[in-house]
Amino acid sequence: MRSLPRVAPLVYYSLWVALSRYDMVLCRELERQYRVTVEMVEHAKDIAVLSEVPVRELVEDLLVSHSYEEIAKLAGKIAFGEIVSWKQRLRREKPASAIQEALKLLSQLVPTAGFQVEKVGGGRVFRCRNSPFAVSGCGRMTCGFISGFVTAAMGWQGQPRLRAEESLCASVDSEVKYCLFELR
């Protein structure tokens, strides 16, 4: 098996939950293939209990769904919701601070990824190197998890109109070594 980046169990859990909400047929098929259930994923303390499948291989299997982008974005939002206590007081952050805080939290879930925020023109973009969601050569944007997570974080921090959208993905072009996201 290829040596690919591992991620926090919460990433797997949120991908499975989002899949079960969008495409139950594929969810059941993958449950049989991986010999797990959404409930098993939810209660796993260590991802090794679930399977030895790196997240990139799970993403490859999820790409057959026409709803993959929505599944990935919802998974990111679910993961953010699990990390942050919604009972905490809403903090109103400036966009620059809000994006830094969101990426700091996201780094806890995907520690192998590196994030860099840049200001381009009047807006902000951020790069992600070593995304565990990038599937080289698949020809589609595959890092919706990151978009969904950051979008949820921006809303929680008082910036509900800002959304993170993937504009360049290493999955689409194998020459590109990073994924680029714009805040719109």
C-alpha atoms as a PDB file:
ATOM      1  CA  MET A   1       0.000   0.000   0.000  1.00  0.00           C
ATOM      2  CA  ARG A   2       1.188   3.500  -0.776  1.00  0.00           C
ATOM      3  CA  SER A   3       2.420   5.625   2.070  1.00  0.00           C
ATOM      4  CA  LEU A   4      -0.029   8.519   2.145  1.00  0.00           C
ATOM      5  CA  PRO A   5      -0.759  11.184   4.743  1.00  0.00           C
ATOM      6  CA  ARG A   6      -2.979  10.233   7.642  1.00  0.00           C
ATOM      7  CA  VAL A   7      -5.592  12.534   9.091  1.00  0.00           C
ATOM      8  CA  ALA A   8      -7.515  12.806  12.337  1.00  0.00           C
ATOM      9  CA  PRO A   9     -10.371  10.298  12.817  1.00  0.00           C
ATOM     10  CA  LEU A  10     -12.813  13.219  12.759  1.00  0.00           C
ATOM     11  CA  VAL A  11     -12.025  13.723   9.058  1.00  0.00           C
ATOM     12  CA  TYR A  12     -13.062  10.143   8.265  1.00  0.00           C
ATOM     13  CA  TYR A  13     -16.130  10.414  10.443  1.00  0.00           C
ATOM     14  CA  SER A  14     -17.325  13.603   8.793  1.00  0.00           C
ATOM     15  CA  LEU A  15     -16.728  12.192   5.288  1.00  0.00           C
ATOM     16  CA  TRP A  16     -18.773   9.092   6.141  1.00  0.00           C
ATOM     17  CA  VAL A  17     -21.604  11.099   7.724  1.00  0.00           C
ATOM     18  CA  ALA A  18     -21.754  13.488   4.761  1.00  0.00           C
ATOM     19  CA  LEU A  19     -21.746  10.525   2.363  1.00  0.00           C
ATOM     20  CA  SER A  20     -24.625   8.901   4.241  1.00  0.00           C
ATOM     21  CA  ARG A  21     -26.643  12.117   3.857  1.00  0.00           C
ATOM     22  CA  TYR A  22     -26.015  12.560   0.118  1.00  0.00           C
ATOM     23  CA  ASP A  23     -25.581   9.084  -1.385  1.00  0.00           C
ATOM     24  CA  MET A  24     -26.872   6.210   0.722  1.00  0.00           C
ATOM     25  CA  VAL A  25     -26.350   3.643  -2.058  1.00  0.00           C
ATOM     26  CA  LEU A  26     -22.643   4.445  -2.351  1.00  0.00           C
ATOM     27  CA  CYS A  27     -22.393   4.647   1.443  1.00  0.00           C
ATOM     28  CA  ARG A  28     -23.707   1.084   1.844  1.00  0.00           C
ATOM     29  CA  GLU A  29     -21.423  -0.142  -0.932  1.00  0.00           C
ATOM     30  CA  LEU A  30     -18.351   1.393   0.711  1.00  0.00           C
ATOM     31  CA  GLU A  31     -19.418   0.141   4.139  1.00  0.00           C
ATOM     32  CA  ARG A  32     -19.331  -3.389   2.715  1.00  0.00           C
ATOM     33  CA  GLN A  33     -16.041  -2.765   0.917  1.00  0.00           C
ATOM     34  CA  TYR A  34     -14.293  -1.354   4.004  1.00  0.00           C
ATOM     35  CA  ARG A  35     -16.198  -3.578   6.451  1.00  0.00           C
ATOM     36  CA  VAL A  36     -17.300  -0.625   8.574  1.00  0.00           C
ATOM     37  CA  THR A  37     -20.480   1.273   9.305  1.00  0.00           C
ATOM     38  CA  VAL A  38     -21.014   4.962   9.891  1.00  0.00           C
ATOM     39  CA  GLU A  39     -21.680   4.088  13.542  1.00  0.00           C
ATOM     40  CA  MET A  40     -18.338   2.249  13.826  1.00  0.00           C
ATOM     41  CA  VAL A  41     -16.539   5.252  12.369  1.00  0.00           C
ATOM     42  CA  GLU A  42     -18.295   7.551  14.827  1.00  0.00           C
ATOM     43  CA  HIS A  43     -17.130   5.604  17.865  1.00  0.00           C
ATOM     44  CA  ALA A  44     -13.592   4.714  16.739  1.00  0.00           C
ATOM     45  CA  LYS A  45     -10.871   6.074  18.994  1.00  0.00           C
ATOM     46  CA  ASP A  46      -8.071   5.366  16.527  1.00  0.00           C
ATOM     47  CA  ILE A  47      -8.362   5.393  12.760  1.00  0.00           C
ATOM     48  CA  ALA A  48      -6.379   2.134  12.541  1.00  0.00           C
ATOM     49  CA  VAL A  49      -9.422   0.416  14.039  1.00  0.00           C
ATOM     50  CA  LEU A  50     -11.430   1.405  10.964  1.00  0.00           C
ATOM     51  CA  SER A  51      -9.085   0.329   8.203  1.00  0.00           C
ATOM     52  CA  GLU A  52      -5.642   0.869   6.838  1.00  0.00           C
ATOM     53  CA  VAL A  53      -7.040   2.993   4.017  1.00  0.00           C
ATOM     54  CA  PRO A  54      -5.514   6.471   3.754  1.00  0.00           C
ATOM     55  CA  VAL A  55      -7.976   9.307   3.240  1.00  0.00           C
ATOM     56  CA  ARG A  56      -6.826   9.794  -0.364  1.00  0.00           C
ATOM     57  CA  GLU A  57      -8.014   6.285  -1.261  1.00  0.00           C
ATOM     58  CA  LEU A  58     -11.368   6.947   0.401  1.00  0.00           C
ATOM     59  CA  VAL A  59     -11.643  10.178  -1.604  1.00  0.00           C
ATOM     60  CA  GLU A  60     -10.890   8.206  -4.794  1.00  0.00           C
ATOM     61  CA  ASP A  61     -13.809   5.904  -3.966  1.00  0.00           C
ATOM     62  CA  LEU A  62     -16.083   8.851  -3.191  1.00  0.00           C
ATOM     63  CA  LEU A  63     -15.317  10.526  -6.523  1.00  0.00           C
ATOM     64  CA  VAL A  64     -17.727   8.167  -8.309  1.00  0.00           C
ATOM     65  CA  SER A  65     -20.570  10.084  -6.687  1.00  0.00           C
ATOM     66  CA  HIS A  66     -21.871  12.999  -8.720  1.00  0.00           C
ATOM     67  CA  SER A  67     -22.357  14.780  -5.382  1.00  0.00           C
ATOM     68  CA  TYR A  68     -18.712  14.520  -4.306  1.00  0.00           C
ATOM     69  CA  GLU A  69     -18.153  18.283  -4.071  1.00  0.00           C
ATOM     70  CA  GLU A  70     -21.220  18.725  -1.858  1.00  0.00           C
ATOM     71  CA  ILE A  71     -20.237  15.686   0.229  1.00  0.00           C
ATOM     72  CA  ALA A  72     -16.723  17.056   0.780  1.00  0.00           C
ATOM     73  CA  LYS A  73     -17.931  20.563   1.698  1.00  0.00           C
ATOM     74  CA  LEU A  74     -20.544  19.185   4.089  1.00  0.00           C
ATOM     75  CA  ALA A  75     -17.886  16.961   5.668  1.00  0.00           C
ATOM     76  CA  GLY A  76     -15.720  20.020   6.322  1.00  0.00           C
ATOM     77  CA  LYS A  77     -18.655  21.828   7.919  1.00  0.00           C
ATOM     78  CA  ILE A  78     -19.456  18.778  10.073  1.00  0.00           C
ATOM     79  CA  ALA A  79     -15.828  18.554  11.219  1.00  0.00           C
ATOM     80  CA  PHE A  80     -15.771  22.230  12.148  1.00  0.00           C
ATOM     81  CA  GLY A  81     -19.018  21.834  14.082  1.00  0.00           C
ATOM     82  CA  GLU A  82     -17.540  18.914  16.021  1.00  0.00           C
ATOM     83  CA  ILE A  83     -14.408  20.861  16.956  1.00  0.00           C
ATOM     84  CA  VAL A  84     -15.988  24.126  18.019  1.00  0.00           C
ATOM     85  CA  SER A  85     -18.468  24.440  20.812  1.00  0.00           C
ATOM     86  CA  TRP A  86     -21.432  26.326  19.407  1.00  0.00           C
ATOM     87  CA  LYS A  87     -22.203  27.442  22.951  1.00  0.00           C
ATOM     88  CA  GLN A  88     -19.122  29.621  22.924  1.00  0.00           C
ATOM     89  CA  ARG A  89     -19.754  33.262  22.353  1.00  0.00           C
ATOM     90  CA  LEU A  90     -19.548  34.307  18.723  1.00  0.00           C
ATOM     91  CA  ARG A  91     -16.318  36.163  18.135  1.00  0.00           C
ATOM     92  CA  ARG A  92     -16.291  38.824  15.489  1.00  0.00           C
ATOM     93  CA  GLU A  93     -12.926  38.607  13.834  1.00  0.00           C
ATOM     94  CA  LYS A  94     -11.533  40.584  10.947  1.00  0.00           C
ATOM     95  CA  PRO A  95     -11.186  38.421   7.823  1.00  0.00           C
ATOM     96  CA  ALA A  96      -7.388  38.144   8.149  1.00  0.00           C
ATOM     97  CA  SER A  97      -7.620  36.931  11.760  1.00  0.00           C
ATOM     98  CA  ALA A  98     -10.584  34.697  11.008  1.00  0.00           C
ATOM     99  CA  ILE A  99      -8.815  32.855   8.198  1.00  0.00           C
ATOM    100  CA  GLN A 100      -5.671  32.364  10.320  1.00  0.00           C
ATOM    101  CA  GLU A 101      -7.768  30.934  13.158  1.00  0.00           C
ATOM    102  CA  ALA A 102      -9.640  28.624  10.769  1.00  0.00           C
ATOM    103  CA  LEU A 103      -6.429  27.294   9.236  1.00  0.00           C
ATOM    104  CA  LYS A 104      -4.903  26.791  12.687  1.00  0.00           C
ATOM    105  CA  LEU A 105      -7.857  24.576  13.642  1.00  0.00           C
ATOM    106  CA  LEU A 106      -7.753  22.769  10.298  1.00  0.00           C
ATOM    107  CA  SER A 107      -4.044  22.025  10.779  1.00  0.00           C
ATOM    108  CA  GLN A 108      -4.973  19.959  13.821  1.00  0.00           C
ATOM    109  CA  LEU A 109      -7.074  17.680  11.607  1.00  0.00           C
ATOM    110  CA  VAL A 110      -4.701  17.485   8.655  1.00  0.00           C
ATOM    111  CA  PRO A 111      -1.241  17.935  10.203  1.00  0.00           C
ATOM    112  CA  THR A 112       0.655  16.989   7.033  1.00  0.00           C
ATOM    113  CA  ALA A 113      -0.860  19.890   5.084  1.00  0.00           C
ATOM    114  CA  GLY A 114       0.799  23.275   5.051  1.00  0.00           C
ATOM    115  CA  PHE A 115      -1.244  26.457   4.737  1.00  0.00           C
ATOM    116  CA  GLN A 116      -0.123  29.894   3.620  1.00  0.00           C
ATOM    117  CA  VAL A 117      -2.352  32.986   3.461  1.00  0.00           C
ATOM    118  CA  GLU A 118      -1.652  35.633   0.836  1.00  0.00           C
ATOM    119  CA  LYS A 119      -3.246  38.924  -0.062  1.00  0.00           C
ATOM    120  CA  VAL A 120      -3.887  39.237  -3.790  1.00  0.00           C
ATOM    121  CA  GLY A 121      -5.363  42.458  -5.092  1.00  0.00           C
ATOM    122  CA  GLY A 122      -8.191  43.392  -2.746  1.00  0.00           C
ATOM    123  CA  GLY A 123      -8.913  39.836  -1.607  1.00  0.00           C
ATOM    124  CA  ARG A 124      -7.327  36.978   0.266  1.00  0.00           C
ATOM    125  CA  VAL A 125      -6.276  33.567  -0.935  1.00  0.00           C
ATOM    126  CA  PHE A 126      -4.647  30.672   0.823  1.00  0.00           C
ATOM    127  CA  ARG A 127      -2.562  27.810  -0.458  1.00  0.00           C
ATOM    128  CA  CYS A 128      -2.561  24.277   0.805  1.00  0.00           C
ATOM    129  CA  ARG A 129       0.476  22.097   0.169  1.00  0.00           C
ATOM    130  CA  ASN A 130       0.349  18.330   0.729  1.00  0.00           C
ATOM    131  CA  SER A 131      -3.437  18.197   0.843  1.00  0.00           C
ATOM    132  CA  PRO A 132      -4.490  14.685   1.855  1.00  0.00           C
ATOM    133  CA  PHE A 133      -7.575  15.171  -0.334  1.00  0.00           C
ATOM    134  CA  ALA A 134      -5.666  15.778  -3.590  1.00  0.00           C
ATOM    135  CA  VAL A 135      -5.905  12.789  -5.950  1.00  0.00           C
ATOM    136  CA  SER A 136      -3.298  13.299  -8.645  1.00  0.00           C
ATOM    137  CA  GLY A 137      -4.595  13.122 -12.183  1.00  0.00           C
ATOM    138  CA  CYS A 138      -8.293  12.703 -11.395  1.00  0.00           C
ATOM    139  CA  GLY A 139      -9.213  15.883 -13.271  1.00  0.00           C
ATOM    140  CA  ARG A 140     -11.623  17.227 -10.629  1.00  0.00           C
ATOM    141  CA  MET A 141     -11.429  19.594  -7.694  1.00  0.00           C
ATOM    142  CA  THR A 142     -11.185  17.313  -4.666  1.00  0.00           C
ATOM    143  CA  CYS A 143     -10.426  19.548  -1.677  1.00  0.00           C
ATOM    144  CA  GLY A 144     -13.979  20.591  -0.833  1.00  0.00           C
ATOM    145  CA  PHE A 145     -13.444  19.418   2.749  1.00  0.00           C
ATOM    146  CA  ILE A 146     -11.060  22.336   3.252  1.00  0.00           C
ATOM    147  CA  SER A 147     -13.505  24.766   1.589  1.00  0.00           C
ATOM    148  CA  GLY A 148     -16.383  23.605   3.779  1.00  0.00           C
ATOM    149  CA  PHE A 149     -14.333  23.746   6.975  1.00  0.00           C
ATOM    150  CA  VAL A 150     -13.014  27.261   6.333  1.00  0.00           C
ATOM    151  CA  THR A 151     -16.435  28.534   5.208  1.00  0.00           C
ATOM    152  CA  ALA A 152     -18.028  27.240   8.428  1.00  0.00           C
ATOM    153  CA  ALA A 153     -15.227  28.796  10.475  1.00  0.00           C
ATOM    154  CA  MET A 154     -15.650  32.158   8.762  1.00  0.00           C
ATOM    155  CA  GLY A 155     -19.377  32.170   9.537  1.00  0.00           C
ATOM    156  CA  TRP A 156     -18.748  31.255  13.176  1.00  0.00           C
ATOM    157  CA  GLN A 157     -16.278  34.122  13.481  1.00  0.00           C
ATOM    158  CA  GLY A 158     -18.720  36.740  12.251  1.00  0.00           C
ATOM    159  CA  GLN A 159     -17.859  36.626   8.542  1.00  0.00           C
ATOM    160  CA  PRO A 160     -20.858  34.698   7.130  1.00  0.00           C
ATOM    161  CA  ARG A 161     -20.625  36.283   3.693  1.00  0.00           C
ATOM    162  CA  LEU A 162     -17.099  35.008   3.067  1.00  0.00           C
ATOM    163  CA  ARG A 163     -16.840  31.577   1.510  1.00  0.00           C
ATOM    164  CA  ALA A 164     -13.719  29.618   0.693  1.00  0.00           C
ATOM    165  CA  GLU A 165     -13.821  28.352  -2.885  1.00  0.00           C
ATOM    166  CA  GLU A 166     -11.233  26.084  -4.436  1.00  0.00           C
ATOM    167  CA  SER A 167      -9.849  27.773  -7.545  1.00  0.00           C
ATOM    168  CA  LEU A 168      -6.848  25.559  -8.339  1.00  0.00           C
ATOM    169  CA  CYS A 169      -6.319  21.955  -7.319  1.00  0.00           C
ATOM    170  CA  ALA A 170      -3.360  19.606  -7.562  1.00  0.00           C
ATOM    171  CA  SER A 171      -5.892  16.900  -8.497  1.00  0.00           C
ATOM    172  CA  VAL A 172      -6.732  18.671 -11.752  1.00  0.00           C
ATOM    173  CA  ASP A 173      -3.194  19.385 -12.925  1.00  0.00           C
ATOM    174  CA  SER A 174      -0.335  17.110 -11.859  1.00  0.00           C
ATOM    175  CA  GLU A 175       2.139  19.945 -12.554  1.00  0.00           C
ATOM    176  CA  VAL A 176       0.617  21.979  -9.705  1.00  0.00           C
ATOM    177  CA  LYS A 177       1.952  21.062  -6.270  1.00  0.00           C
ATOM    178  CA  TYR A 178      -0.611  22.908  -4.164  1.00  0.00           C
ATOM    179  CA  CYS A 179      -4.298  23.775  -3.976  1.00  0.00           C
ATOM    180  CA  LEU A 180      -5.422  27.404  -4.036  1.00  0.00           C
ATOM    181  CA  PHE A 181      -8.533  28.751  -2.317  1.00  0.00           C
ATOM    182  CA  GLU A 182     -10.122  32.184  -2.647  1.00  0.00           C
ATOM    183  CA  LEU A 183     -12.273  33.907  -0.055  1.00  0.00           C
ATOM    184  CA  ARG A 184     -15.278  35.299  -1.903  1.00  0.00           C
END
